Amino acid sequence: FNEADTLKYDVHMDGRLFEQEYTFKHPVTHLRYDPIEILPCALKNFEFYDEEGNTGSIVGSNGAKVGNSWLFSNQDSQLEIVFEKPITKLCVKARLTAL
């Protein structure tokens, strides 16, 4: 992964639903989504999809999946996502709280 291609958005960790939209300079099929830096967290009701509504696959994580949520006990939460076709936009919906 290239640090120069990092996209960041602020998000509140109060459990309210947030929506994020990332637009990429070039089409991608493989990306890493880090919900937050520095704090252990719970990413609840996590949904993600491309500009056409297609969902990719989570192929790696340093968290534990519980239902439709992810729990990250360390300070560097990561989800590795792969799409079958190249995408130019990623949409994310979830609720985030500190652990």
C-alpha atoms as a PDB file:
ATOM      1  CA  PHE A   1       0.000   0.000   0.000  1.00  0.00           C
ATOM      2  CA  ASN A   2       1.229   3.453  -0.856  1.00  0.00           C
ATOM      3  CA  GLU A   3       1.178   6.040   1.942  1.00  0.00           C
ATOM      4  CA  ALA A   4       1.052   8.807  -0.681  1.00  0.00           C
ATOM      5  CA  ASP A   5      -2.386   7.571  -1.781  1.00  0.00           C
ATOM      6  CA  THR A   6      -3.899   7.767   1.700  1.00  0.00           C
ATOM      7  CA  LEU A   7      -7.335   9.405   2.010  1.00  0.00           C
ATOM      8  CA  LYS A   8      -8.512  10.518   5.462  1.00  0.00           C
ATOM      9  CA  TYR A   9     -11.778  11.695   6.990  1.00  0.00           C
ATOM     10  CA  ASP A  10     -12.614  12.645  10.559  1.00  0.00           C
ATOM     11  CA  VAL A  11     -15.229  10.492  12.252  1.00  0.00           C
ATOM     12  CA  HIS A  12     -16.957  10.747  15.637  1.00  0.00           C
ATOM     13  CA  MET A  13     -16.578   7.759  17.955  1.00  0.00           C
ATOM     14  CA  ASP A  14     -19.948   8.189  19.655  1.00  0.00           C
ATOM     15  CA  GLY A  15     -21.800   5.283  18.015  1.00  0.00           C
ATOM     16  CA  ARG A  16     -23.804   7.463  15.625  1.00  0.00           C
ATOM     17  CA  LEU A  17     -24.091   6.301  12.030  1.00  0.00           C
ATOM     18  CA  PHE A  18     -21.472   7.848   9.767  1.00  0.00           C
ATOM     19  CA  GLU A  19     -21.148   7.741   6.003  1.00  0.00           C
ATOM     20  CA  GLN A  20     -17.905   8.236   4.096  1.00  0.00           C
ATOM     21  CA  GLU A  21     -17.232   8.409   0.381  1.00  0.00           C
ATOM     22  CA  TYR A  22     -13.731   8.014  -1.033  1.00  0.00           C
ATOM     23  CA  THR A  23     -12.914   8.818  -4.666  1.00  0.00           C
ATOM     24  CA  PHE A  24      -9.694   7.364  -6.059  1.00  0.00           C
ATOM     25  CA  LYS A  25      -7.412   8.998  -8.636  1.00  0.00           C
ATOM     26  CA  HIS A  26      -7.051   5.667 -10.438  1.00  0.00           C
ATOM     27  CA  PRO A  27      -9.296   2.565 -10.430  1.00  0.00           C
ATOM     28  CA  VAL A  28      -8.403   0.041  -7.713  1.00  0.00           C
ATOM     29  CA  THR A  29      -9.384  -3.534  -6.908  1.00  0.00           C
ATOM     30  CA  HIS A  30      -7.487  -3.941  -3.619  1.00  0.00           C
ATOM     31  CA  LEU A  31      -7.474  -1.446  -0.749  1.00  0.00           C
ATOM     32  CA  ARG A  32      -6.984  -1.132   2.975  1.00  0.00           C
ATOM     33  CA  TYR A  33      -9.574   0.572   5.179  1.00  0.00           C
ATOM     34  CA  ASP A  34      -8.395   1.743   8.601  1.00  0.00           C
ATOM     35  CA  PRO A  35     -11.431   2.853  10.651  1.00  0.00           C
ATOM     36  CA  ILE A  36      -9.336   4.934  13.062  1.00  0.00           C
ATOM     37  CA  GLU A  37      -5.763   5.380  14.210  1.00  0.00           C
ATOM     38  CA  ILE A  38      -4.309   5.091  17.717  1.00  0.00           C
ATOM     39  CA  LEU A  39      -7.336   3.677  19.606  1.00  0.00           C
ATOM     40  CA  PRO A  40      -8.863   0.207  19.970  1.00  0.00           C
ATOM     41  CA  CYS A  41     -12.385   0.381  18.542  1.00  0.00           C
ATOM     42  CA  ALA A  42     -15.604  -1.361  17.570  1.00  0.00           C
ATOM     43  CA  LEU A  43     -16.805  -0.822  13.996  1.00  0.00           C
ATOM     44  CA  LYS A  44     -20.496  -1.717  14.126  1.00  0.00           C
ATOM     45  CA  ASN A  45     -23.036  -2.309  11.335  1.00  0.00           C
ATOM     46  CA  PHE A  46     -20.185  -2.030   8.830  1.00  0.00           C
ATOM     47  CA  GLU A  47     -21.263  -1.751   5.180  1.00  0.00           C
ATOM     48  CA  PHE A  48     -19.141  -0.914   2.158  1.00  0.00           C
ATOM     49  CA  TYR A  49     -19.801  -0.805  -1.577  1.00  0.00           C
ATOM     50  CA  ASP A  50     -18.592   0.756  -4.819  1.00  0.00           C
ATOM     51  CA  GLU A  51     -20.194   3.421  -7.014  1.00  0.00           C
ATOM     52  CA  GLU A  52     -22.521   0.805  -8.530  1.00  0.00           C
ATOM     53  CA  GLY A  53     -23.576  -0.694  -5.197  1.00  0.00           C
ATOM     54  CA  ASN A  54     -21.349  -3.783  -5.513  1.00  0.00           C
ATOM     55  CA  THR A  55     -19.843  -5.178  -2.320  1.00  0.00           C
ATOM     56  CA  GLY A  56     -16.288  -6.434  -2.245  1.00  0.00           C
ATOM     57  CA  SER A  57     -14.770  -9.074   0.023  1.00  0.00           C
ATOM     58  CA  ILE A  58     -12.794  -8.611   3.212  1.00  0.00           C
ATOM     59  CA  VAL A  59      -9.727 -10.790   2.704  1.00  0.00           C
ATOM     60  CA  GLY A  60      -7.703  -9.766   5.742  1.00  0.00           C
ATOM     61  CA  SER A  61      -7.989  -7.973   9.056  1.00  0.00           C
ATOM     62  CA  ASN A  62      -6.262  -7.612  12.382  1.00  0.00           C
ATOM     63  CA  GLY A  63      -9.651  -7.524  14.116  1.00  0.00           C
ATOM     64  CA  ALA A  64     -12.319 -10.034  15.061  1.00  0.00           C
ATOM     65  CA  LYS A  65     -15.622 -10.226  13.170  1.00  0.00           C
ATOM     66  CA  VAL A  66     -18.700 -10.532  15.386  1.00  0.00           C
ATOM     67  CA  GLY A  67     -21.917 -10.533  13.351  1.00  0.00           C
ATOM     68  CA  ASN A  68     -21.870  -7.393  11.186  1.00  0.00           C
ATOM     69  CA  SER A  69     -19.283  -5.717  13.418  1.00  0.00           C
ATOM     70  CA  TRP A  70     -15.506  -5.715  13.741  1.00  0.00           C
ATOM     71  CA  LEU A  71     -13.644  -5.437  17.057  1.00  0.00           C
ATOM     72  CA  PHE A  72     -10.078  -4.123  17.059  1.00  0.00           C
ATOM     73  CA  SER A  73      -8.171  -4.534  20.327  1.00  0.00           C
ATOM     74  CA  ASN A  74      -4.968  -2.937  19.046  1.00  0.00           C
ATOM     75  CA  GLN A  75      -4.134   0.616  17.986  1.00  0.00           C
ATOM     76  CA  ASP A  76      -3.852   0.012  14.240  1.00  0.00           C
ATOM     77  CA  SER A  77      -7.237  -1.266  13.013  1.00  0.00           C
ATOM     78  CA  GLN A  78      -7.181  -2.536   9.415  1.00  0.00           C
ATOM     79  CA  LEU A  79      -9.517  -4.191   6.939  1.00  0.00           C
ATOM     80  CA  GLU A  80      -8.167  -5.393   3.604  1.00  0.00           C
ATOM     81  CA  ILE A  81     -10.862  -5.222   0.911  1.00  0.00           C
ATOM     82  CA  VAL A  82     -10.879  -6.667  -2.618  1.00  0.00           C
ATOM     83  CA  PHE A  83     -13.368  -5.959  -5.413  1.00  0.00           C
ATOM     84  CA  GLU A  84     -13.809  -8.194  -8.491  1.00  0.00           C
ATOM     85  CA  LYS A  85     -13.767  -5.215 -10.870  1.00  0.00           C
ATOM     86  CA  PRO A  86     -11.789  -1.959 -10.582  1.00  0.00           C
ATOM     87  CA  ILE A  87     -13.626   0.760  -8.646  1.00  0.00           C
ATOM     88  CA  THR A  88     -13.158   4.529  -8.485  1.00  0.00           C
ATOM     89  CA  LYS A  89     -15.348   5.188  -5.450  1.00  0.00           C
ATOM     90  CA  LEU A  90     -15.771   3.481  -2.070  1.00  0.00           C
ATOM     91  CA  CYS A  91     -18.780   4.192   0.139  1.00  0.00           C
ATOM     92  CA  VAL A  92     -18.696   3.216   3.822  1.00  0.00           C
ATOM     93  CA  LYS A  93     -21.459   3.233   6.447  1.00  0.00           C
ATOM     94  CA  ALA A  94     -20.914   2.207  10.067  1.00  0.00           C
ATOM     95  CA  ARG A  95     -20.988   3.167  13.726  1.00  0.00           C
ATOM     96  CA  LEU A  96     -17.713   3.594  15.598  1.00  0.00           C
ATOM     97  CA  THR A  97     -17.040   3.426  19.336  1.00  0.00           C
ATOM     98  CA  ALA A  98     -13.906   3.164  21.452  1.00  0.00           C
ATOM     99  CA  LEU A  99     -13.248  -0.086  23.306  1.00  0.00           C
END
